[in-house]
Protein backbone atom coordinates (compact mmCIF):
# COMPACT_ATOMS: atom_id res chain seq x y z
CA MET A 1 -39.86 -25.48 29.49
CA LYS A 2 -37.71 -24.60 26.61
CA VAL A 3 -38.62 -23.08 23.24
CA ASN A 4 -36.38 -22.73 20.13
CA VAL A 5 -37.08 -20.20 17.28
CA GLU A 6 -35.08 -20.61 14.24
CA ILE A 7 -35.66 -17.74 11.70
CA ASP A 8 -34.54 -17.87 8.21
CA CYS A 9 -33.68 -14.50 6.75
CA THR A 10 -30.98 -12.47 4.91
CA PRO A 11 -28.97 -9.87 6.90
CA LEU A 12 -30.91 -7.27 5.13
CA GLU A 13 -34.11 -8.21 6.21
CA ALA A 14 -32.82 -8.82 9.63
CA ARG A 15 -31.63 -5.15 9.72
CA GLN A 16 -35.06 -4.12 8.39
CA PHE A 17 -36.80 -5.93 10.96
CA PHE A 18 -35.20 -4.59 13.83
CA GLY A 19 -35.25 -0.81 12.28
CA LEU A 20 -31.29 -0.57 11.81
CA PRO A 21 -30.30 1.86 9.00
CA ASP A 22 -29.21 0.48 5.53
CA VAL A 23 -25.74 1.05 5.81
CA GLN A 24 -24.64 -0.28 2.03
CA PRO A 25 -24.48 3.04 0.26
CA MET A 26 -21.90 4.49 2.92
CA GLN A 27 -19.96 1.22 3.14
CA THR A 28 -19.76 1.64 -0.69
CA ALA A 29 -18.61 4.96 -1.10
CA VAL A 30 -16.23 4.67 1.79
CA MET A 31 -14.66 1.26 -0.08
CA ASP A 32 -14.39 3.35 -3.44
CA LYS A 33 -12.62 6.08 -1.75
CA LEU A 34 -10.17 3.64 0.03
CA GLN A 35 -9.57 2.13 -3.18
CA ASN A 36 -8.85 4.86 -5.12
CA GLN A 37 -6.32 6.03 -2.26
CA MET A 38 -4.59 2.92 -2.46
CA LEU A 39 -4.22 2.88 -5.98
CA ASP A 40 -2.69 6.55 -5.89
CA ASN A 41 -0.14 5.14 -3.04
CA ILE A 42 0.67 2.15 -5.12
CA GLN A 43 2.09 4.67 -7.57
CA LYS A 44 4.31 6.28 -4.97
CA VAL A 45 5.93 3.52 -3.98
CA SER A 46 6.64 2.07 -7.57
CA PRO A 47 10.49 1.22 -8.03
CA GLU A 48 10.70 4.46 -10.56
CA ALA A 49 9.11 6.60 -8.03
CA LEU A 50 11.45 5.35 -5.16
CA MET A 51 14.71 5.90 -7.11
CA GLN A 52 13.58 9.24 -8.36
CA SER A 53 12.80 10.13 -4.70
CA TRP A 54 16.27 8.73 -3.51
CA LEU A 55 18.22 10.10 -6.40
CA SER A 56 16.79 13.85 -5.71
CA PHE A 57 17.47 13.64 -2.14
CA ASP A 58 21.40 13.36 -2.86
CA PRO A 59 23.11 14.13 -6.19
CA LYS A 60 25.99 11.81 -5.81
CA PHE A 61 23.85 8.82 -4.43
CA ALA A 62 23.57 7.15 -8.11
CA GLU A 63 27.78 6.96 -7.92
CA ARG A 64 27.58 5.70 -4.15
CA PHE A 65 25.09 3.24 -5.06
CA THR A 66 27.12 2.08 -7.98
CA ASP A 67 30.10 1.77 -6.12
CA MET A 68 28.68 0.08 -3.22
CA PHE A 69 27.18 -2.54 -5.41
CA ALA A 70 30.45 -3.09 -7.38
CA ALA A 71 32.11 -3.59 -4.01
CA MET A 72 29.60 -6.17 -2.76
CA THR A 73 29.60 -8.14 -5.85
CA GLY A 74 33.32 -7.82 -6.57
CA LEU A 75 32.19 -7.00 -10.17
CA GLY A 76 34.02 -3.98 -10.39
CA THR A 77 36.29 -1.70 -8.62
CA THR A 78 35.48 1.42 -6.51
CA ARG A 79 36.75 4.72 -7.87
CA THR A 80 39.98 5.63 -6.23
CA SER A 81 39.36 9.54 -6.36
CA ASP A 82 37.13 9.44 -3.50
CA LYS A 83 39.52 7.40 -1.28
CA LYS A 84 42.18 9.49 0.79
């Protein structure tokens, strides 16, 4: 004998029927916190923030970057004072 039972209910109704806890408030709180952290971290990887952190690492980095870019593109010449 084969019996098929088909129940039409929402996930919330099924959780309530089986006595499972309602996790919607916790899920909403976690998602809000995650969204806030992601928005904060996006500011840290903006082009301005990256350049600021790179330039603060080495004071002559801007000059070296300019020289490297000019040498790669062939649009300018490098300074001869750095060469020995």
